[in-house]
Protein backbone atom coordinates (compact mmCIF):
# COMPACT_ATOMS: atom_id res chain seq x y z
CA UNK A 1 -15.22 -13.99 -2.17
CA UNK A 2 -15.27 -15.41 1.83
CA UNK A 3 -18.84 -14.50 3.88
CA UNK A 4 -15.56 -12.38 6.07
CA UNK A 5 -14.55 -10.26 3.13
CA UNK A 6 -18.80 -9.83 1.48
CA UNK A 7 -19.55 -8.83 5.25
CA UNK A 8 -16.40 -6.76 5.02
CA UNK A 9 -17.35 -5.15 1.39
CA UNK A 10 -21.17 -4.65 2.17
CA UNK A 11 -20.54 -2.54 5.74
CA UNK A 12 -17.32 -0.38 4.20
CA UNK A 13 -19.75 0.42 1.39
CA UNK A 14 -22.91 0.70 3.84
CA UNK A 15 -20.03 3.46 6.27
CA UNK A 16 -19.36 5.19 2.50
CA UNK A 17 -23.19 5.19 1.99
CA UNK A 18 -24.22 6.72 5.04
CA UNK A 19 -21.71 9.51 4.99
CA UNK A 20 -22.15 10.56 1.30
CA UNK A 21 -26.04 10.44 1.72
CA UNK A 22 -26.23 12.65 4.27
CA UNK A 23 -23.32 15.39 2.06
CA UNK A 24 -24.63 14.89 -1.41
CA UNK A 25 -28.91 15.42 0.53
CA UNK A 26 -27.70 19.26 1.32
CA UNK A 27 -26.33 19.97 -2.30
CA UNK A 28 -29.54 19.93 -4.51
CA UNK A 29 -31.57 22.20 -2.15
CA UNK A 30 -29.07 24.50 -0.04
CA UNK A 31 -28.53 27.15 -2.38
CA UNK A 32 -32.19 27.92 -2.60
CA UNK A 33 -32.90 28.06 1.33
CA UNK A 34 -29.67 29.88 1.88
CA UNK A 35 -31.73 33.27 0.32
CA UNK A 36 -33.72 32.83 3.01
CA UNK A 37 -30.70 33.45 6.06
CA UNK A 38 -28.69 35.76 7.28
CA UNK A 39 -25.88 36.22 4.45
CA UNK A 40 -27.33 34.18 2.37
CA UNK A 41 -27.53 37.56 -0.64
CA UNK A 42 -23.87 36.43 -0.31
CA UNK A 43 -23.07 33.82 -3.56
CA UNK A 44 -19.13 33.58 -2.15
CA UNK A 45 -20.43 32.22 1.30
CA UNK A 46 -23.15 30.17 -0.07
CA UNK A 47 -20.62 28.62 -1.93
CA UNK A 48 -18.49 28.02 0.79
CA UNK A 49 -20.79 26.83 2.49
CA UNK A 50 -20.66 23.96 -0.05
CA UNK A 51 -17.13 24.20 -0.96
CA UNK A 52 -16.02 24.10 2.23
CA UNK A 53 -16.68 21.00 3.48
CA UNK A 54 -14.77 19.68 0.30
CA UNK A 55 -11.45 21.99 0.82
CA UNK A 56 -10.73 20.53 5.01
CA UNK A 57 -11.32 17.46 3.22
CA UNK A 58 -8.23 17.93 1.56
CA UNK A 59 -6.08 19.43 4.29
CA UNK A 60 -6.73 16.24 6.49
CA UNK A 61 -6.84 13.05 3.83
CA UNK A 62 -3.26 12.49 4.63
CA UNK A 63 -3.19 13.60 9.38
CA UNK A 64 -6.03 10.96 9.14
CA UNK A 65 -5.09 7.91 6.89
CA UNK A 66 -0.98 8.32 8.26
CA UNK A 67 -3.10 8.78 11.46
CA UNK A 68 -4.74 5.02 10.67
CA UNK A 69 -0.66 3.49 9.64
CA UNK A 70 0.21 4.81 13.22
CA UNK A 71 -3.34 3.54 16.00
CA UNK A 72 -4.93 1.79 13.78
CA UNK A 73 -8.17 1.88 11.20
CA UNK A 74 -11.49 1.83 13.03
CA UNK A 75 -10.14 4.29 16.04
CA UNK A 76 -9.71 6.46 13.26
CA UNK A 77 -13.02 6.24 11.81
CA UNK A 78 -15.02 5.85 14.41
CA UNK A 79 -13.49 9.42 15.51
CA UNK A 80 -13.85 10.90 11.82
CA UNK A 81 -16.71 10.14 12.34
CA UNK A 82 -18.04 11.63 15.47
CA UNK A 83 -16.48 14.89 13.93
CA UNK A 84 -18.78 14.21 11.57
CA UNK A 85 -21.98 14.25 13.84
CA UNK A 86 -20.80 17.58 15.84
CA UNK A 87 -19.97 18.95 12.61
CA UNK A 88 -24.23 18.41 11.73
CA UNK A 89 -25.51 19.25 14.93
CA UNK A 90 -24.05 22.61 14.73
CA UNK A 91 -24.93 23.45 10.68
CA UNK A 92 -28.14 21.85 12.06
CA UNK A 93 -29.28 24.65 14.83
CA UNK A 94 -26.70 27.94 12.52
CA UNK A 95 -29.42 30.73 12.48
CA UNK A 96 -27.54 32.24 9.42
CA UNK A 97 -24.26 31.03 6.56
CA UNK A 98 -21.88 32.06 8.24
CA UNK A 99 -22.11 28.86 10.66
CA UNK A 100 -23.74 26.79 8.01
CA UNK A 101 -19.49 27.42 6.76
CA UNK A 102 -18.37 26.18 10.46
CA UNK A 103 -20.50 22.75 10.27
CA UNK A 104 -19.48 22.30 6.76
CA UNK A 105 -15.86 22.64 7.89
CA UNK A 106 -16.29 20.75 10.84
CA UNK A 107 -18.08 17.64 8.76
CA UNK A 108 -14.59 17.67 6.49
CA UNK A 109 -12.24 17.51 8.74
CA UNK A 110 -13.51 13.82 9.58
CA UNK A 111 -11.43 13.12 7.32
CA UNK A 112 -12.32 9.53 6.89
CA UNK A 113 -11.85 8.12 3.35
CA UNK A 114 -8.47 7.08 3.18
CA UNK A 115 -8.49 4.49 6.37
CA UNK A 116 -11.87 3.42 5.08
CA UNK A 117 -10.22 2.21 1.68
CA UNK A 118 -6.93 1.65 3.45
CA UNK A 119 -9.62 -1.24 6.29
CA UNK A 120 -11.47 -2.67 3.14
CA UNK A 121 -7.13 -3.40 1.81
CA UNK A 122 -6.79 -5.35 4.77
CA UNK A 123 -9.64 -7.14 5.55
CA UNK A 124 -9.70 -8.78 1.44
CA UNK A 125 -7.19 -10.62 -0.57
CA UNK A 126 -5.45 -8.92 -4.19
CA UNK A 127 -7.65 -11.11 -6.54
CA UNK A 128 -11.13 -10.08 -4.42
CA UNK A 129 -9.59 -6.09 -3.54
CA UNK A 130 -10.63 -4.78 -6.71
CA UNK A 131 -14.94 -6.29 -6.12
CA UNK A 132 -14.79 -4.77 -2.82
CA UNK A 133 -13.67 -1.55 -3.98
CA UNK A 134 -16.05 -1.99 -6.59
CA UNK A 135 -18.72 -1.60 -3.88
CA UNK A 136 -17.12 1.16 -2.16
CA UNK A 137 -16.82 3.01 -5.56
CA UNK A 138 -20.14 2.22 -6.39
CA UNK A 139 -22.66 2.79 -3.36
CA UNK A 140 -21.04 6.89 -3.73
CA UNK A 141 -23.13 7.04 -7.89
CA UNK A 142 -25.74 5.72 -6.60
CA UNK A 143 -26.43 7.48 -2.92
CA UNK A 144 -26.18 10.92 -5.45
CA UNK A 145 -28.91 9.40 -7.42
CA UNK A 146 -30.97 8.67 -4.49
CA UNK A 147 -30.19 12.31 -2.77
CA UNK A 148 -31.18 13.57 -6.19
CA UNK A 149 -34.46 12.28 -6.35
CA UNK A 150 -34.79 12.72 -2.59
CA UNK A 151 -34.01 16.00 -1.79
CA UNK A 152 -36.60 17.88 -2.48
CA UNK A 153 -39.10 15.48 -0.69
CA UNK A 154 -36.93 15.84 2.76
CA UNK A 155 -36.81 19.37 2.23
CA UNK A 156 -40.28 20.10 2.00
CA UNK A 157 -41.10 17.79 4.91
CA UNK A 158 -38.42 19.23 7.45
CA UNK A 159 -36.95 21.24 6.73
CA UNK A 160 -32.69 22.54 5.74
CA UNK A 161 -32.40 22.22 9.95
CA UNK A 162 -33.74 18.49 9.32
CA UNK A 163 -32.01 17.20 6.28
CA UNK A 164 -28.03 18.27 9.01
CA UNK A 165 -30.06 16.53 12.21
CA UNK A 166 -30.68 13.87 9.70
CA UNK A 167 -26.79 13.86 8.34
CA UNK A 168 -26.31 13.19 12.02
CA UNK A 169 -27.81 10.27 12.72
CA UNK A 170 -27.20 8.53 9.10
CA UNK A 171 -23.25 9.19 10.42
CA UNK A 172 -23.80 7.53 14.04
CA UNK A 173 -24.94 4.62 12.03
CA UNK A 174 -22.12 4.69 10.48
CA UNK A 175 -20.44 4.50 13.76
CA UNK A 176 -22.63 1.50 14.91
CA UNK A 177 -21.65 -0.20 11.33
CA UNK A 178 -17.69 0.64 12.29
CA UNK A 179 -18.55 -1.29 16.53
CA UNK A 180 -20.88 -3.69 15.43
CA UNK A 181 -20.83 -5.16 12.08
CA UNK A 182 -17.29 -4.52 10.05
CA UNK A 183 -15.32 -7.71 10.58
CA UNK A 184 -12.12 -6.84 12.93
CA UNK A 185 -9.29 -5.12 11.15
CA UNK A 186 -6.26 -8.00 11.27
CA UNK A 187 -3.05 -6.99 12.67
CA UNK A 188 -0.39 -3.90 10.94
CA UNK A 189 2.65 -2.32 11.23
CA UNK A 190 2.37 0.76 13.56
CA UNK A 191 4.27 2.46 11.38
CA UNK A 192 3.89 6.06 9.71
CA UNK A 193 4.87 5.96 6.05
CA UNK A 194 7.16 8.33 4.78
CA UNK A 195 5.93 11.34 2.76
CA UNK A 196 8.53 10.35 0.47
CA UNK A 197 8.11 5.84 -0.73
CA UNK A 198 4.96 7.49 -1.83
CA UNK A 199 5.42 10.97 -3.64
CA UNK A 200 8.72 9.11 -5.16
CA UNK A 201 6.66 5.70 -6.39
CA UNK A 202 5.98 6.42 -9.88
CA UNK A 203 3.37 4.20 -9.87
CA UNK A 204 1.23 5.60 -7.26
CA UNK A 205 1.36 9.59 -8.49
CA UNK A 206 -0.10 8.38 -12.01
CA UNK A 207 -2.78 6.93 -10.06
CA UNK A 208 -3.27 10.64 -7.53
CA UNK A 209 -2.76 12.40 -11.00
CA UNK A 210 -6.16 10.53 -12.33
CA UNK A 211 -8.02 10.70 -9.55
CA UNK A 212 -7.35 14.82 -8.93
CA UNK A 213 -8.34 13.92 -12.93
CA UNK A 214 -11.29 12.00 -12.41
CA UNK A 215 -13.54 14.40 -9.63
CA UNK A 216 -12.16 17.83 -11.48
CA UNK A 217 -14.42 16.49 -14.53
CA UNK A 218 -16.70 15.11 -12.67
CA UNK A 219 -17.88 18.62 -10.42
CA UNK A 220 -16.74 20.48 -12.97
CA UNK A 221 -19.96 18.63 -15.12
CA UNK A 222 -22.17 19.63 -13.11
CA UNK A 223 -22.17 23.06 -13.74
CA UNK A 224 -22.98 22.00 -17.51
CA UNK A 225 -25.37 19.12 -17.00
CA UNK A 226 -28.37 20.37 -15.14
CA UNK A 227 -28.44 23.87 -17.07
CA UNK A 228 -28.32 21.59 -20.41
CA UNK A 229 -30.92 19.10 -19.33
CA UNK A 230 -33.43 22.40 -18.39
CA UNK A 231 -32.69 23.51 -21.77
CA UNK A 232 -33.44 21.01 -23.54
CA UNK A 233 -36.76 21.14 -21.70
CA UNK A 234 -36.32 19.05 -19.09
CA UNK A 235 -37.15 21.17 -15.38
CA UNK A 236 -34.73 20.64 -12.40
CA UNK A 237 -37.83 19.21 -10.27
CA UNK A 238 -37.55 15.93 -13.09
CA UNK A 239 -33.57 15.87 -13.34
CA UNK A 240 -33.75 12.72 -11.55
CA UNK A 241 -35.37 10.73 -14.13
CA UNK A 242 -31.82 11.21 -16.65
CA UNK A 243 -30.26 10.58 -13.29
CA UNK A 244 -31.18 7.60 -11.46
CA UNK A 245 -31.73 4.96 -14.62
CA UNK A 246 -27.68 6.43 -15.39
CA UNK A 247 -26.26 5.46 -12.65
CA UNK A 248 -28.32 2.27 -12.45
CA UNK A 249 -27.46 1.32 -16.14
CA UNK A 250 -23.76 2.58 -15.41
CA UNK A 251 -24.00 -0.51 -12.53
CA UNK A 252 -24.66 -3.36 -15.02
CA UNK A 253 -21.80 -2.66 -17.21
CA UNK A 254 -19.00 -2.17 -15.22
CA UNK A 255 -20.06 -4.87 -12.91
CA UNK A 256 -18.57 -7.15 -16.31
CA UNK A 257 -15.49 -4.59 -16.83
CA UNK A 258 -14.40 -5.36 -12.46
CA UNK A 259 -14.86 -8.98 -13.73
CA UNK A 260 -12.54 -8.81 -16.39
CA UNK A 261 -9.81 -6.78 -15.02
CA UNK A 262 -10.03 -8.97 -12.19
CA UNK A 263 -10.80 -12.84 -13.58
CA UNK A 264 -8.86 -12.02 -17.24
CA UNK A 265 -6.10 -10.11 -15.90
CA UNK A 266 -7.34 -7.26 -18.38
CA UNK A 267 -6.62 -4.69 -15.28
CA UNK A 268 -4.88 -2.31 -17.33
CA UNK A 269 -6.47 -2.66 -20.52
CA UNK A 270 -10.17 -1.78 -18.90
CA UNK A 271 -8.67 0.80 -16.56
CA UNK A 272 -7.05 2.50 -20.06
CA UNK A 273 -10.47 1.81 -21.79
CA UNK A 274 -12.35 3.87 -19.50
CA UNK A 275 -9.60 6.64 -19.67
CA UNK A 276 -10.82 6.80 -23.07
CA UNK A 277 -14.46 6.21 -22.33
CA UNK A 278 -13.63 9.70 -20.14
CA UNK A 279 -11.78 11.51 -23.14
CA UNK A 280 -14.73 10.39 -25.00
CA UNK A 281 -17.42 11.79 -22.89
CA UNK A 282 -15.82 15.46 -22.61
CA UNK A 283 -16.11 15.09 -26.67
CA UNK A 284 -19.51 14.53 -27.06
CA UNK A 285 -20.03 17.07 -24.35
CA UNK A 286 -18.78 19.73 -26.62
CA UNK A 287 -19.74 18.79 -30.02
CA UNK A 288 -22.94 18.57 -28.92
CA UNK A 289 -22.97 21.71 -26.44
CA UNK A 290 -25.79 20.77 -23.61
CA UNK A 291 -28.53 20.41 -26.86
CA UNK A 292 -30.40 17.54 -26.76
CA UNK A 293 -32.02 15.52 -23.38
CA UNK A 294 -31.31 12.39 -25.15
CA UNK A 295 -27.81 12.17 -26.75
CA UNK A 296 -26.65 14.33 -22.94
CA UNK A 297 -28.91 10.92 -20.79
CA UNK A 298 -26.68 8.54 -23.13
CA UNK A 299 -23.28 11.21 -22.34
CA UNK A 300 -24.23 10.61 -18.21
CA UNK A 301 -24.23 6.67 -18.15
CA UNK A 302 -20.98 6.58 -20.15
CA UNK A 303 -20.18 9.05 -17.71
CA UNK A 304 -20.47 6.78 -15.03
CA UNK A 305 -20.08 3.65 -16.19
CA UNK A 306 -15.93 5.58 -16.31
CA UNK A 307 -16.25 6.80 -13.14
CA UNK A 308 -17.44 3.95 -11.55
CA UNK A 309 -15.19 1.45 -12.95
CA UNK A 310 -12.09 3.92 -12.41
CA UNK A 311 -13.52 4.17 -8.33
CA UNK A 312 -13.33 0.69 -8.16
CA UNK A 313 -9.77 -0.12 -9.91
CA UNK A 314 -7.18 3.23 -9.04
CA UNK A 315 -7.57 2.43 -5.04
CA UNK A 316 -7.04 -1.53 -4.99
CA UNK A 317 -3.74 -0.61 -7.54
CA UNK A 318 -3.30 1.63 -4.53
CA UNK A 319 -3.64 -0.30 -1.80
CA UNK A 320 -1.17 -3.19 -4.05
CA UNK A 321 1.33 -1.54 -4.79
CA UNK A 322 1.98 0.85 -1.91
CA UNK A 323 4.26 -0.12 1.34
CA UNK A 324 2.51 -1.99 3.46
CA UNK A 325 3.20 0.04 6.74
CA UNK A 326 2.44 3.40 4.29
CA UNK A 327 -1.02 2.04 2.68
CA UNK A 328 -2.06 4.37 4.61
CA UNK A 329 -0.41 7.29 3.73
CA UNK A 330 -0.46 6.62 0.31
CA UNK A 331 -4.46 6.16 0.22
CA UNK A 332 -4.72 9.66 1.97
CA UNK A 333 -2.43 11.10 -0.65
CA UNK A 334 -4.68 10.55 -3.37
CA UNK A 335 -7.91 11.10 -1.42
CA UNK A 336 -6.28 14.89 -0.57
CA UNK A 337 -5.89 15.19 -4.76
CA UNK A 338 -9.30 12.74 -4.95
CA UNK A 339 -10.39 16.12 -2.43
CA UNK A 340 -8.53 18.98 -3.99
CA UNK A 341 -10.11 17.31 -8.19
CA UNK A 342 -13.89 17.91 -5.98
CA UNK A 343 -13.25 21.83 -4.80
CA UNK A 344 -11.28 23.13 -7.72
CA UNK A 345 -13.17 21.31 -10.37
CA UNK A 346 -16.71 23.47 -9.03
CA UNK A 347 -14.60 26.64 -8.60
CA UNK A 348 -12.82 26.24 -12.56
CA UNK A 349 -16.06 25.26 -14.17
CA UNK A 350 -17.88 28.15 -12.77
CA UNK A 351 -15.12 30.68 -13.39
CA UNK A 352 -15.13 29.03 -17.35
CA UNK A 353 -18.54 29.17 -18.29
CA UNK A 354 -18.84 32.89 -16.74
CA UNK A 355 -15.37 33.65 -18.20
CA UNK A 356 -14.95 31.92 -20.60
CA UNK A 357 -17.52 29.98 -22.09
CA UNK A 358 -19.64 26.37 -21.49
CA UNK A 359 -17.21 24.95 -24.15
CA UNK A 360 -14.47 25.52 -22.65
CA UNK A 361 -15.35 23.38 -19.61
CA UNK A 362 -14.88 20.65 -21.93
CA UNK A 363 -11.76 20.94 -23.34
CA UNK A 364 -10.29 21.19 -19.71
CA UNK A 365 -12.27 17.83 -19.86
CA UNK A 366 -10.50 16.21 -22.57
CA UNK A 367 -7.10 18.01 -21.84
CA UNK A 368 -6.76 15.97 -18.54
CA UNK A 369 -8.58 13.08 -19.76
CA UNK A 370 -5.96 12.97 -23.06
CA UNK A 371 -2.99 13.79 -20.53
CA UNK A 372 -4.22 10.98 -17.85
CA UNK A 373 -4.17 8.25 -21.20
CA UNK A 374 -0.62 9.44 -21.84
CA UNK A 375 0.32 8.88 -18.10
CA UNK A 376 -1.83 6.16 -17.88
CA UNK A 377 0.01 3.61 -21.01
CA UNK A 378 3.00 3.67 -19.21
CA UNK A 379 1.23 1.89 -15.81
CA UNK A 380 2.71 -1.46 -15.13
CA UNK A 381 -0.41 -3.64 -14.01
CA UNK A 382 0.35 -4.88 -10.40
CA UNK A 383 0.79 -8.37 -9.81
CA UNK A 384 -1.82 -10.52 -7.43
CA UNK A 385 -0.41 -11.35 -4.34
CA UNK A 386 -1.95 -15.02 -2.69
CA UNK A 387 -3.00 -13.19 1.23
CA UNK A 388 -5.02 -15.18 4.06
CA UNK A 389 -8.58 -14.42 3.80
CA UNK A 390 -9.51 -11.82 6.96
C-alpha cells in the first residue's frame, strides 16, 4: 500500500474504533446500573435503551450513505459524529431510563458507517481495498474485546454518567481525526444512486443478505455464550480471559487469509470458507450446548476468524461492483441490513431462548449459514480495476 493508503486505513479504522468503543463500553454494565434509575425496573425500557441505537442506525444508514454520494463523505461523517456527541451528552445528563433512550436514539442518528466505508473505498486501490476494510473490520472485534475488559473497571471509577461523557470525548476525537488526519477525499460524482441499481443487482443483494445473517448470528450468540461460560465455572468478571485471546488469535489466522484472497486471486474461496466456518461454529454450539469452557473458547475463536474475514471482504466486494456514483447508496443499504441483523439477533435470540430453548438459537444461525453458503456459491469474484492511489 502507498503511504496515503496506509494513512487512510489507520485513520478510518481509528474513527470506527473510537466510536464503537464508546458504544461497547455501555453494554456490559448498563443493565445492572439501570436498576438504580427511575424506570430501571422495566426490562423492556432497559432493553430499548440498549437496542435503540441499532434501530435508528438501521433507519438512517441509507440516507447518510446517499447523502455522502451527494454532498461528500467528510461533511456527512462529521455531521454524524456531532450527533453522536450530542446523544452521548444527553445520556450522560439523564436521570431516568427514558432520557437514556432519547440519548441513545440521537447517538444512533449519527449513522456514518456507510459514509466511512465509502470513503475508504474512494481512498484505496482495488488491490489493497480488502486490507483497508480488514483494518476497519478488525478494529471492531478488538475494541469489543477491550471494552469487555475495561468497562467494569471504568464504571467503578467514573460511573455510568462518566462512561457516557467518555463516549462524547471519543467521538470528538474522531471528528478531529476526520478533519486533520484522514487524507483528502478524491472527487467523486456528486449524484444520488438509484435504489433500483442496488436492489436489482443480484450480486449486491447476496452480500446484503450475508451481512444481515452475519450480524444476526453475532448478536444471537451473545445470548448464549456468557451464560455458557458462567455454567462452565468462569465468573462474569473473568470472561475477558476468553474474549481477548479469542480475538487476538483470530487476527493471527485472519491476516494470512486476507493476503491469500488478495494476492492469489482466491477471494471467493476464502469468502465461502469463512461462511462454512460459521456453519461449523453453529453446529458446535448446538452439539456442545454450552458445556465446557475450552470448547466454547475454541468455537469463539473460530467465530472471530470467520467474522473478521467476512467483515473485511464483504464491504470491499460491494465497493468494487457497485456503480461508482451509487457507492454510498449501496453501502448504506448494506449497513442498514447490518444494523437490522444486530437488532433482530438480540431480539430473536432472547425470544428463542425463553420460549423454545438455547439450542434453537444455534439452529437459527446454522440455517442462515446454509442459505448464505448456497447464495454465495453463485457469486462471481470481482475483477480488480487498476486505479490511481489517492
